[in-house]
Amino acid sequence: IIANQEYFKDIQEKIKENLSEFELMVLNEYEKGKSYAAIAEKLNAKTKSVDTAIQRIRKKANKIKNNID
């Protein structure tokens, strides 16, 4: 269990290191369970921009995960 926790913590850190400032702000709000619309409103951005940022975050996360495995 501890090894798994360390593995996931390592992945999370590597993902966050590779995000743009906007992507990181989107991710922080998304992790709080906020909707795309609520995130967009808080960040003064368009909902589509939030959607695109989340897609980029997922792609980066998958790439990092595949490189670690």
N, C-alpha and C. Protein backbone atom coordinates (compact mmCIF):
# COMPACT_ATOMS: atom_id res chain seq x y z
N ILE A 1 0.84 -1.20 0.00
CA ILE A 1 0.00 0.00 0.00
C ILE A 1 0.88 1.25 0.00
N ILE A 2 1.91 1.24 0.82
CA ILE A 2 2.79 2.41 0.89
C ILE A 2 3.50 2.62 -0.44
N ALA A 3 3.93 1.54 -1.07
CA ALA A 3 4.59 1.66 -2.37
C ALA A 3 3.64 2.25 -3.39
N ASN A 4 2.39 1.82 -3.37
CA ASN A 4 1.38 2.37 -4.29
C ASN A 4 1.16 3.85 -4.04
N GLN A 5 1.10 4.25 -2.78
CA GLN A 5 0.90 5.65 -2.44
C GLN A 5 2.07 6.49 -2.95
N GLU A 6 3.28 5.99 -2.78
CA GLU A 6 4.46 6.71 -3.25
C GLU A 6 4.46 6.80 -4.78
N TYR A 7 4.05 5.71 -5.44
CA TYR A 7 3.97 5.68 -6.90
C TYR A 7 3.01 6.75 -7.40
N PHE A 8 1.81 6.81 -6.82
CA PHE A 8 0.82 7.78 -7.26
C PHE A 8 1.24 9.21 -6.91
N LYS A 9 1.88 9.39 -5.78
CA LYS A 9 2.36 10.72 -5.41
C LYS A 9 3.43 11.18 -6.40
N ASP A 10 4.31 10.27 -6.80
CA ASP A 10 5.35 10.59 -7.78
C ASP A 10 4.73 10.98 -9.11
N ILE A 11 3.73 10.24 -9.55
CA ILE A 11 3.05 10.56 -10.80
C ILE A 11 2.37 11.92 -10.71
N GLN A 12 1.69 12.19 -9.61
CA GLN A 12 1.01 13.47 -9.44
C GLN A 12 2.00 14.63 -9.52
N GLU A 13 3.15 14.49 -8.87
CA GLU A 13 4.15 15.55 -8.89
C GLU A 13 4.69 15.77 -10.30
N LYS A 14 4.97 14.69 -11.02
CA LYS A 14 5.49 14.82 -12.38
C LYS A 14 4.45 15.46 -13.30
N ILE A 15 3.20 15.12 -13.11
CA ILE A 15 2.15 15.73 -13.92
C ILE A 15 2.10 17.23 -13.66
N LYS A 16 2.05 17.60 -12.39
CA LYS A 16 1.95 19.02 -12.04
C LYS A 16 3.16 19.82 -12.52
N GLU A 17 4.32 19.21 -12.55
CA GLU A 17 5.52 19.88 -13.04
C GLU A 17 5.43 20.19 -14.54
N ASN A 18 4.61 19.43 -15.25
CA ASN A 18 4.52 19.57 -16.71
C ASN A 18 3.30 20.35 -17.17
N LEU A 19 2.56 20.92 -16.25
CA LEU A 19 1.37 21.68 -16.62
C LEU A 19 1.68 23.17 -16.73
N SER A 20 0.94 23.82 -17.61
CA SER A 20 1.03 25.28 -17.68
C SER A 20 0.34 25.86 -16.45
N GLU A 21 0.53 27.14 -16.24
CA GLU A 21 -0.10 27.80 -15.09
C GLU A 21 -1.62 27.67 -15.16
N PHE A 22 -2.18 27.88 -16.36
CA PHE A 22 -3.62 27.78 -16.52
C PHE A 22 -4.11 26.36 -16.28
N GLU A 23 -3.39 25.37 -16.82
CA GLU A 23 -3.78 23.97 -16.62
C GLU A 23 -3.74 23.61 -15.14
N LEU A 24 -2.75 24.10 -14.43
CA LEU A 24 -2.65 23.82 -13.00
C LEU A 24 -3.81 24.44 -12.23
N MET A 25 -4.19 25.66 -12.59
CA MET A 25 -5.34 26.29 -11.93
C MET A 25 -6.62 25.51 -12.23
N VAL A 26 -6.78 25.08 -13.47
CA VAL A 26 -7.95 24.29 -13.85
C VAL A 26 -7.97 22.98 -13.06
N LEU A 27 -6.84 22.31 -13.02
CA LEU A 27 -6.76 21.04 -12.29
C LEU A 27 -7.11 21.22 -10.81
N ASN A 28 -6.60 22.27 -10.19
CA ASN A 28 -6.89 22.51 -8.77
C ASN A 28 -8.39 22.67 -8.53
N GLU A 29 -9.06 23.38 -9.42
CA GLU A 29 -10.52 23.56 -9.27
C GLU A 29 -11.27 22.27 -9.61
N TYR A 30 -10.80 21.56 -10.62
CA TYR A 30 -11.43 20.30 -11.04
C TYR A 30 -11.35 19.27 -9.91
N GLU A 31 -10.22 19.24 -9.22
CA GLU A 31 -10.05 18.31 -8.10
C GLU A 31 -11.01 18.61 -6.95
N LYS A 32 -11.49 19.84 -6.89
CA LYS A 32 -12.46 20.22 -5.86
C LYS A 32 -13.87 19.80 -6.25
N GLY A 33 -14.02 19.23 -7.47
CA GLY A 33 -15.32 18.75 -7.91
C GLY A 33 -16.15 19.80 -8.62
N LYS A 34 -15.54 20.90 -9.01
CA LYS A 34 -16.28 21.97 -9.67
C LYS A 34 -16.58 21.60 -11.12
N SER A 35 -17.67 22.11 -11.62
CA SER A 35 -18.06 21.89 -13.02
C SER A 35 -17.18 22.74 -13.92
N TYR A 36 -17.18 22.41 -15.21
CA TYR A 36 -16.41 23.18 -16.18
C TYR A 36 -16.88 24.64 -16.16
N ALA A 37 -18.18 24.85 -16.08
CA ALA A 37 -18.73 26.20 -16.08
C ALA A 37 -18.27 26.98 -14.84
N ALA A 38 -18.27 26.32 -13.69
CA ALA A 38 -17.85 26.98 -12.45
C ALA A 38 -16.36 27.31 -12.49
N ILE A 39 -15.57 26.41 -13.05
CA ILE A 39 -14.14 26.65 -13.19
C ILE A 39 -13.91 27.84 -14.12
N ALA A 40 -14.61 27.85 -15.24
CA ALA A 40 -14.48 28.93 -16.22
C ALA A 40 -14.83 30.27 -15.58
N GLU A 41 -15.90 30.29 -14.82
CA GLU A 41 -16.32 31.53 -14.18
C GLU A 41 -15.26 32.00 -13.19
N LYS A 42 -14.75 31.09 -12.37
CA LYS A 42 -13.75 31.47 -11.36
C LYS A 42 -12.47 31.97 -12.01
N LEU A 43 -12.07 31.35 -13.12
CA LEU A 43 -10.81 31.72 -13.77
C LEU A 43 -10.99 32.77 -14.86
N ASN A 44 -12.21 33.26 -15.00
CA ASN A 44 -12.52 34.27 -16.01
C ASN A 44 -12.09 33.78 -17.40
N ALA A 45 -12.52 32.57 -17.72
CA ALA A 45 -12.17 31.94 -18.99
C ALA A 45 -13.43 31.37 -19.62
N LYS A 46 -13.31 30.92 -20.84
CA LYS A 46 -14.43 30.28 -21.52
C LYS A 46 -14.51 28.82 -21.10
N THR A 47 -15.72 28.30 -21.08
CA THR A 47 -15.92 26.89 -20.74
C THR A 47 -15.14 25.99 -21.68
N LYS A 48 -15.10 26.34 -22.95
CA LYS A 48 -14.36 25.55 -23.94
C LYS A 48 -12.87 25.54 -23.61
N SER A 49 -12.34 26.64 -23.10
CA SER A 49 -10.93 26.70 -22.71
C SER A 49 -10.65 25.74 -21.56
N VAL A 50 -11.58 25.65 -20.64
CA VAL A 50 -11.45 24.73 -19.51
C VAL A 50 -11.49 23.29 -20.03
N ASP A 51 -12.43 23.01 -20.92
CA ASP A 51 -12.54 21.67 -21.49
C ASP A 51 -11.24 21.29 -22.21
N THR A 52 -10.71 22.20 -23.00
CA THR A 52 -9.47 21.95 -23.73
C THR A 52 -8.31 21.72 -22.76
N ALA A 53 -8.25 22.51 -21.70
CA ALA A 53 -7.19 22.36 -20.71
C ALA A 53 -7.26 20.99 -20.04
N ILE A 54 -8.46 20.54 -19.72
CA ILE A 54 -8.61 19.23 -19.08
C ILE A 54 -8.21 18.12 -20.05
N GLN A 55 -8.52 18.27 -21.32
CA GLN A 55 -8.08 17.29 -22.31
C GLN A 55 -6.55 17.24 -22.39
N ARG A 56 -5.90 18.42 -22.36
CA ARG A 56 -4.44 18.46 -22.38
C ARG A 56 -3.84 17.84 -21.12
N ILE A 57 -4.47 18.10 -19.99
CA ILE A 57 -4.01 17.53 -18.71
C ILE A 57 -4.07 16.00 -18.78
N ARG A 58 -5.18 15.48 -19.30
CA ARG A 58 -5.33 14.02 -19.41
C ARG A 58 -4.26 13.43 -20.33
N LYS A 59 -4.00 14.08 -21.46
CA LYS A 59 -2.98 13.59 -22.39
C LYS A 59 -1.60 13.60 -21.74
N LYS A 60 -1.27 14.68 -21.05
CA LYS A 60 0.02 14.76 -20.38
C LYS A 60 0.12 13.71 -19.28
N ALA A 61 -0.95 13.52 -18.53
CA ALA A 61 -0.96 12.54 -17.44
C ALA A 61 -0.75 11.13 -17.99
N ASN A 62 -1.44 10.81 -19.07
CA ASN A 62 -1.29 9.48 -19.67
C ASN A 62 0.12 9.26 -20.20
N LYS A 63 0.69 10.28 -20.82
CA LYS A 63 2.04 10.17 -21.34
C LYS A 63 3.04 9.92 -20.21
N ILE A 64 2.89 10.66 -19.12
CA ILE A 64 3.79 10.51 -17.98
C ILE A 64 3.61 9.13 -17.35
N LYS A 65 2.38 8.70 -17.19
CA LYS A 65 2.11 7.39 -16.60
C LYS A 65 2.73 6.29 -17.45
N ASN A 66 2.58 6.40 -18.77
CA ASN A 66 3.14 5.37 -19.66
C ASN A 66 4.66 5.36 -19.63
N ASN A 67 5.27 6.51 -19.41
CA ASN A 67 6.73 6.58 -19.34
C ASN A 67 7.27 6.00 -18.04
N ILE A 68 6.47 6.05 -16.99
CA ILE A 68 6.90 5.53 -15.68
C ILE A 68 6.74 4.01 -15.62
N ASP A 69 5.68 3.50 -16.23
CA ASP A 69 5.41 2.05 -16.18
C ASP A 69 6.46 1.23 -16.86
